[in-house]
Amino acid sequence: MLDAAGHVTQINLYSNNLSGKVPAEINTLPDLQTINLESNQISRIDTGAFSGLNYLRTITLDGNQISTIDEHTFDGLSGLKNLDL
């Protein structure tokens, strides 16, 4: 979804066969507020996975096979309100 200025604010990658770690390309969307990564095969969330996403409020990751979440993964996400694992 785009806001009035054409910035990406929501992205839905539900059941897209993503595997391994959270895609690094997500960090290129600085206005992102909501991301749905539900029902993929993501197994790890590295430090910096959501780096620079200061407006991020909702992260949905349930339905994955997450075995590792680095200690500082969510540092700097002061606006984060919902985290579904």
Protein backbone atom coordinates (compact mmCIF):
# COMPACT_ATOMS: atom_id res chain seq x y z
CA MET A 1 0.00 0.00 0.00
CA LEU A 2 1.22 3.49 -0.82
CA ASP A 3 0.58 6.70 1.09
CA ALA A 4 -0.43 9.98 -0.61
CA ALA A 5 3.22 10.78 -1.40
CA GLY A 6 3.77 7.38 -3.05
CA HIS A 7 5.79 5.86 -0.21
CA VAL A 8 5.36 2.18 0.60
CA THR A 9 3.72 1.93 4.05
CA GLN A 10 2.44 -1.66 4.00
CA ILE A 11 3.78 -4.81 2.43
CA ASN A 12 2.18 -8.25 2.42
CA LEU A 13 4.52 -11.17 1.72
CA TYR A 14 2.14 -13.79 3.13
CA SER A 15 2.95 -17.31 1.91
CA ASN A 16 5.60 -16.28 -0.62
CA ASN A 17 7.94 -19.23 0.01
CA LEU A 18 10.55 -16.96 1.60
CA SER A 19 13.19 -18.97 3.43
CA GLY A 20 16.26 -18.38 5.57
CA LYS A 21 16.34 -14.89 7.00
CA VAL A 22 14.15 -11.80 6.64
CA PRO A 23 14.92 -10.27 3.20
CA ALA A 24 17.46 -7.41 3.44
CA GLU A 25 15.54 -5.43 0.81
CA ILE A 26 12.95 -4.57 3.43
CA ASN A 27 15.39 -1.97 4.81
CA THR A 28 15.03 0.01 1.59
CA LEU A 29 11.45 0.95 2.58
CA PRO A 30 11.99 3.62 5.28
CA ASP A 31 8.29 4.59 5.50
CA LEU A 32 7.11 1.04 6.11
CA GLN A 33 4.54 0.79 8.91
CA THR A 34 3.22 -2.75 8.50
CA ILE A 35 4.87 -5.90 7.19
CA ASN A 36 3.28 -9.33 6.93
CA LEU A 37 5.77 -12.19 6.54
CA GLU A 38 3.32 -14.82 7.77
CA SER A 39 3.39 -18.44 6.56
CA ASN A 40 6.83 -18.57 4.94
CA GLN A 41 9.88 -20.64 5.87
CA ILE A 42 11.84 -17.90 7.63
CA SER A 43 14.13 -19.52 10.19
CA ARG A 44 16.15 -16.62 11.58
CA ILE A 45 15.86 -12.91 12.25
CA ASP A 46 19.22 -11.19 12.30
CA THR A 47 20.22 -7.98 14.06
CA GLY A 48 19.49 -5.17 11.64
CA ALA A 49 16.70 -7.03 9.86
CA PHE A 50 14.43 -4.03 10.46
CA SER A 51 17.14 -1.39 10.76
CA GLY A 52 16.11 2.14 9.82
CA LEU A 53 12.40 1.33 9.77
CA ASN A 54 11.50 3.99 12.32
CA TYR A 55 7.79 4.02 11.44
CA LEU A 56 7.30 0.27 11.69
CA ARG A 57 4.33 -0.52 13.96
CA THR A 58 3.32 -4.07 13.05
CA ILE A 59 5.42 -7.12 12.18
CA THR A 60 3.65 -10.42 11.50
CA LEU A 61 5.91 -13.48 11.44
CA ASP A 62 3.67 -16.29 12.68
CA GLY A 63 3.53 -19.47 10.67
CA ASN A 64 7.29 -19.53 10.06
CA GLN A 65 9.97 -21.86 11.39
CA ILE A 66 11.90 -19.27 13.41
CA SER A 67 14.62 -20.83 15.51
CA THR A 68 16.92 -17.84 16.01
CA ILE A 69 16.21 -14.21 16.85
CA ASP A 70 19.33 -12.13 17.47
CA GLU A 71 19.36 -10.22 20.74
CA HIS A 72 19.20 -6.71 19.26
CA THR A 73 16.87 -7.46 16.35
CA PHE A 74 14.17 -5.03 17.44
CA ASP A 75 16.40 -2.26 18.83
CA GLY A 76 15.43 1.17 17.58
CA LEU A 77 11.85 0.22 16.73
CA SER A 78 10.32 2.59 19.26
CA GLY A 79 6.98 2.70 17.41
CA LEU A 80 6.53 -1.08 17.29
CA LYS A 81 3.12 -1.94 18.77
CA ASN A 82 2.39 -5.44 17.41
CA LEU A 83 4.78 -8.33 16.99
CA ASP A 84 3.24 -11.66 16.04
CA LEU A 85 5.60 -14.60 16.21
